[in-house]
Amino acid sequence: MDSEQTQCCETLLCLRVVAQAEPGILTRVLFFLQNINIVPRRVLAERDSSNRLYVALDVFGLAEQRATMIAAKIRQLPDVLDAHWYRR
């Protein structure tokens, strides 16, 4: 395994999404990881009193370039207000 693959698998990336609390938003967000056969290490979703859904996903084994593309695609979904990745 080369150093880029090792770094990719050892890096914990965190995706944070803010969206309107619509019934299908969580499955639409998870769909992007399903397509590339990634199971998140942790998924947390919380709805607040202003009808917003806050989603937190922790993922190992995903290159930052691909994570950036996924976040951009998620931002294009209807009802998504923000989506971004950061390294933990």
N, C-alpha and C. Protein backbone atom coordinates (compact mmCIF):
# COMPACT_ATOMS: atom_id res chain seq x y z
N MET A 1 0.85 -1.17 0.00
CA MET A 1 0.00 0.00 0.00
C MET A 1 0.90 1.24 0.00
N ASP A 2 0.68 2.18 -0.92
CA ASP A 2 1.53 3.36 -0.95
C ASP A 2 1.09 4.37 0.11
N SER A 3 1.89 5.43 0.29
CA SER A 3 1.64 6.38 1.38
C SER A 3 0.32 7.14 1.20
N GLU A 4 -0.08 7.42 -0.06
CA GLU A 4 -1.34 8.13 -0.29
C GLU A 4 -2.53 7.27 0.14
N GLN A 5 -2.50 5.98 -0.19
CA GLN A 5 -3.58 5.07 0.21
C GLN A 5 -3.61 4.91 1.73
N THR A 6 -2.44 4.80 2.36
CA THR A 6 -2.37 4.67 3.80
C THR A 6 -2.93 5.90 4.47
N GLN A 7 -2.55 7.09 4.00
CA GLN A 7 -3.03 8.34 4.57
C GLN A 7 -4.55 8.45 4.41
N CYS A 8 -5.06 8.05 3.25
CA CYS A 8 -6.49 8.09 2.98
C CYS A 8 -7.25 7.23 3.98
N CYS A 9 -6.75 6.05 4.25
CA CYS A 9 -7.45 5.11 5.13
C CYS A 9 -7.30 5.48 6.60
N GLU A 10 -6.28 6.21 6.96
CA GLU A 10 -6.04 6.56 8.36
C GLU A 10 -6.62 7.92 8.73
N THR A 11 -7.08 8.70 7.78
CA THR A 11 -7.59 10.03 8.04
C THR A 11 -9.09 9.97 8.32
N LEU A 12 -9.49 10.56 9.42
CA LEU A 12 -10.90 10.65 9.75
C LEU A 12 -11.43 11.98 9.20
N LEU A 13 -12.35 11.88 8.27
CA LEU A 13 -13.00 13.07 7.72
C LEU A 13 -14.39 13.19 8.29
N CYS A 14 -14.80 14.41 8.56
CA CYS A 14 -16.10 14.68 9.15
C CYS A 14 -16.91 15.53 8.19
N LEU A 15 -18.07 15.05 7.83
CA LEU A 15 -18.99 15.79 6.98
C LEU A 15 -20.07 16.38 7.86
N ARG A 16 -20.30 17.66 7.70
CA ARG A 16 -21.36 18.33 8.43
C ARG A 16 -22.34 18.91 7.41
N VAL A 17 -23.61 18.62 7.60
CA VAL A 17 -24.67 19.07 6.70
C VAL A 17 -25.74 19.77 7.51
N VAL A 18 -26.20 20.90 7.01
CA VAL A 18 -27.35 21.60 7.59
C VAL A 18 -28.40 21.66 6.49
N ALA A 19 -29.61 21.22 6.83
CA ALA A 19 -30.67 21.16 5.83
C ALA A 19 -32.02 21.42 6.49
N GLN A 20 -33.00 21.70 5.65
CA GLN A 20 -34.36 21.74 6.15
C GLN A 20 -34.75 20.31 6.52
N ALA A 21 -35.49 20.17 7.60
CA ALA A 21 -35.85 18.82 8.08
C ALA A 21 -36.96 18.24 7.22
N GLU A 22 -36.56 17.65 6.11
CA GLU A 22 -37.47 16.98 5.19
C GLU A 22 -37.27 15.47 5.32
N PRO A 23 -38.31 14.68 5.11
CA PRO A 23 -38.23 13.24 5.36
C PRO A 23 -37.11 12.50 4.61
N GLY A 24 -36.77 12.89 3.41
CA GLY A 24 -35.80 12.13 2.63
C GLY A 24 -34.39 12.65 2.66
N ILE A 25 -34.13 13.71 3.40
CA ILE A 25 -32.81 14.35 3.30
C ILE A 25 -31.68 13.45 3.82
N LEU A 26 -31.92 12.72 4.89
CA LEU A 26 -30.86 11.87 5.44
C LEU A 26 -30.48 10.76 4.47
N THR A 27 -31.46 10.15 3.84
CA THR A 27 -31.14 9.08 2.88
C THR A 27 -30.45 9.64 1.64
N ARG A 28 -30.81 10.85 1.23
CA ARG A 28 -30.15 11.45 0.06
C ARG A 28 -28.70 11.77 0.36
N VAL A 29 -28.41 12.19 1.59
CA VAL A 29 -27.02 12.47 1.97
C VAL A 29 -26.22 11.15 2.02
N LEU A 30 -26.78 10.13 2.64
CA LEU A 30 -26.08 8.84 2.75
C LEU A 30 -25.90 8.15 1.40
N PHE A 31 -26.75 8.45 0.45
CA PHE A 31 -26.68 7.85 -0.88
C PHE A 31 -25.32 8.06 -1.53
N PHE A 32 -24.72 9.24 -1.33
CA PHE A 32 -23.42 9.51 -1.96
C PHE A 32 -22.33 8.60 -1.43
N LEU A 33 -22.40 8.21 -0.16
CA LEU A 33 -21.42 7.28 0.38
C LEU A 33 -21.73 5.85 -0.05
N GLN A 34 -23.00 5.52 -0.14
CA GLN A 34 -23.41 4.19 -0.60
C GLN A 34 -22.88 3.92 -2.00
N ASN A 35 -22.92 4.92 -2.85
CA ASN A 35 -22.47 4.76 -4.24
C ASN A 35 -21.00 4.38 -4.35
N ILE A 36 -20.20 4.76 -3.37
CA ILE A 36 -18.77 4.43 -3.42
C ILE A 36 -18.41 3.37 -2.37
N ASN A 37 -19.45 2.67 -1.85
CA ASN A 37 -19.27 1.54 -0.94
C ASN A 37 -18.55 1.92 0.35
N ILE A 38 -18.92 3.07 0.92
CA ILE A 38 -18.35 3.54 2.19
C ILE A 38 -19.46 3.52 3.25
N VAL A 39 -19.17 2.90 4.38
CA VAL A 39 -20.08 2.93 5.52
C VAL A 39 -19.49 3.91 6.54
N PRO A 40 -20.23 4.94 6.92
CA PRO A 40 -19.69 5.91 7.89
C PRO A 40 -19.39 5.24 9.23
N ARG A 41 -18.37 5.73 9.88
CA ARG A 41 -18.04 5.24 11.22
C ARG A 41 -19.10 5.68 12.22
N ARG A 42 -19.63 6.89 12.01
CA ARG A 42 -20.63 7.44 12.91
C ARG A 42 -21.57 8.32 12.12
N VAL A 43 -22.86 8.26 12.45
CA VAL A 43 -23.87 9.13 11.85
C VAL A 43 -24.70 9.70 12.99
N LEU A 44 -24.84 11.01 13.00
CA LEU A 44 -25.64 11.68 14.00
C LEU A 44 -26.52 12.70 13.30
N ALA A 45 -27.82 12.63 13.55
CA ALA A 45 -28.75 13.60 12.96
C ALA A 45 -29.63 14.14 14.07
N GLU A 46 -29.77 15.46 14.08
CA GLU A 46 -30.57 16.10 15.11
C GLU A 46 -31.40 17.22 14.50
N ARG A 47 -32.66 17.25 14.84
CA ARG A 47 -33.58 18.28 14.35
C ARG A 47 -33.78 19.31 15.46
N ASP A 48 -33.74 20.58 15.08
CA ASP A 48 -33.95 21.62 16.09
C ASP A 48 -35.35 22.21 15.98
N SER A 49 -35.65 23.16 16.82
CA SER A 49 -37.00 23.74 16.89
C SER A 49 -37.33 24.62 15.68
N SER A 50 -36.32 25.02 14.92
CA SER A 50 -36.57 25.83 13.72
C SER A 50 -36.70 24.97 12.46
N ASN A 51 -36.92 23.66 12.65
CA ASN A 51 -37.13 22.71 11.56
C ASN A 51 -35.89 22.53 10.67
N ARG A 52 -34.72 22.63 11.28
CA ARG A 52 -33.47 22.35 10.58
C ARG A 52 -32.90 21.04 11.07
N LEU A 53 -32.29 20.31 10.15
CA LEU A 53 -31.66 19.04 10.47
C LEU A 53 -30.15 19.21 10.39
N TYR A 54 -29.47 18.83 11.44
CA TYR A 54 -28.01 18.88 11.50
C TYR A 54 -27.50 17.45 11.43
N VAL A 55 -26.70 17.16 10.41
CA VAL A 55 -26.20 15.80 10.19
C VAL A 55 -24.68 15.83 10.32
N ALA A 56 -24.15 14.88 11.07
CA ALA A 56 -22.71 14.73 11.23
C ALA A 56 -22.34 13.30 10.84
N LEU A 57 -21.40 13.18 9.90
CA LEU A 57 -20.92 11.87 9.44
C LEU A 57 -19.41 11.82 9.62
N ASP A 58 -18.91 10.77 10.26
CA ASP A 58 -17.47 10.55 10.37
C ASP A 58 -17.11 9.38 9.46
N VAL A 59 -16.09 9.58 8.63
CA VAL A 59 -15.76 8.59 7.60
C VAL A 59 -14.25 8.36 7.53
N PHE A 60 -13.86 7.08 7.54
CA PHE A 60 -12.49 6.68 7.25
C PHE A 60 -12.44 6.14 5.82
N GLY A 61 -11.28 6.22 5.18
CA GLY A 61 -11.08 5.58 3.89
C GLY A 61 -11.55 6.38 2.70
N LEU A 62 -11.68 7.69 2.87
CA LEU A 62 -12.15 8.54 1.78
C LEU A 62 -11.11 9.63 1.52
N ALA A 63 -10.67 9.74 0.28
CA ALA A 63 -9.70 10.77 -0.09
C ALA A 63 -10.34 12.15 0.02
N GLU A 64 -9.55 13.13 0.42
CA GLU A 64 -10.08 14.48 0.60
C GLU A 64 -10.64 15.07 -0.69
N GLN A 65 -10.01 14.76 -1.82
CA GLN A 65 -10.51 15.27 -3.10
C GLN A 65 -11.91 14.73 -3.38
N ARG A 66 -12.12 13.46 -3.12
CA ARG A 66 -13.44 12.86 -3.32
C ARG A 66 -14.45 13.43 -2.31
N ALA A 67 -14.01 13.63 -1.08
CA ALA A 67 -14.89 14.21 -0.05
C ALA A 67 -15.34 15.62 -0.45
N THR A 68 -14.45 16.38 -1.05
CA THR A 68 -14.79 17.72 -1.52
C THR A 68 -15.84 17.66 -2.62
N MET A 69 -15.69 16.70 -3.53
CA MET A 69 -16.68 16.53 -4.60
C MET A 69 -18.04 16.12 -4.04
N ILE A 70 -18.04 15.22 -3.07
CA ILE A 70 -19.29 14.76 -2.47
C ILE A 70 -19.98 15.91 -1.75
N ALA A 71 -19.23 16.70 -1.00
CA ALA A 71 -19.82 17.85 -0.30
C ALA A 71 -20.44 18.82 -1.30
N ALA A 72 -19.78 19.05 -2.42
CA ALA A 72 -20.32 19.95 -3.45
C ALA A 72 -21.62 19.40 -4.02
N LYS A 73 -21.68 18.10 -4.24
CA LYS A 73 -22.92 17.48 -4.76
C LYS A 73 -24.04 17.55 -3.73
N ILE A 74 -23.70 17.35 -2.47
CA ILE A 74 -24.71 17.42 -1.41
C ILE A 74 -25.27 18.85 -1.32
N ARG A 75 -24.41 19.84 -1.46
CA ARG A 75 -24.87 21.24 -1.41
C ARG A 75 -25.88 21.55 -2.51
N GLN A 76 -25.85 20.80 -3.60
CA GLN A 76 -26.79 21.01 -4.70
C GLN A 76 -28.16 20.38 -4.46
N LEU A 77 -28.27 19.55 -3.44
CA LEU A 77 -29.56 18.91 -3.15
C LEU A 77 -30.58 19.95 -2.69
N PRO A 78 -31.84 19.76 -3.07
CA PRO A 78 -32.89 20.65 -2.55
C PRO A 78 -32.93 20.53 -1.02
N ASP A 79 -33.19 21.63 -0.37
CA ASP A 79 -33.34 21.71 1.09
C ASP A 79 -32.02 21.69 1.86
N VAL A 80 -30.87 21.50 1.19
CA VAL A 80 -29.58 21.55 1.89
C VAL A 80 -29.11 23.00 1.94
N LEU A 81 -28.79 23.45 3.14
CA LEU A 81 -28.33 24.82 3.34
C LEU A 81 -26.81 24.92 3.35
N ASP A 82 -26.13 23.88 3.83
CA ASP A 82 -24.67 23.89 3.86
C ASP A 82 -24.16 22.46 3.99
N ALA A 83 -23.01 22.20 3.40
CA ALA A 83 -22.32 20.91 3.55
C ALA A 83 -20.83 21.17 3.42
N HIS A 84 -20.06 20.70 4.38
CA HIS A 84 -18.61 20.86 4.30
C HIS A 84 -17.92 19.72 5.05
N TRP A 85 -16.66 19.47 4.66
CA TRP A 85 -15.82 18.45 5.27
C TRP A 85 -14.73 19.14 6.07
N TYR A 86 -14.28 18.48 7.09
CA TYR A 86 -13.04 18.89 7.75
C TYR A 86 -12.34 17.63 8.25
N ARG A 87 -11.04 17.79 8.46
CA ARG A 87 -10.21 16.67 8.92
C ARG A 87 -10.17 16.70 10.44
N ARG A 88 -10.28 15.54 11.03
CA ARG A 88 -10.23 15.46 12.49
C ARG A 88 -8.88 15.05 12.97
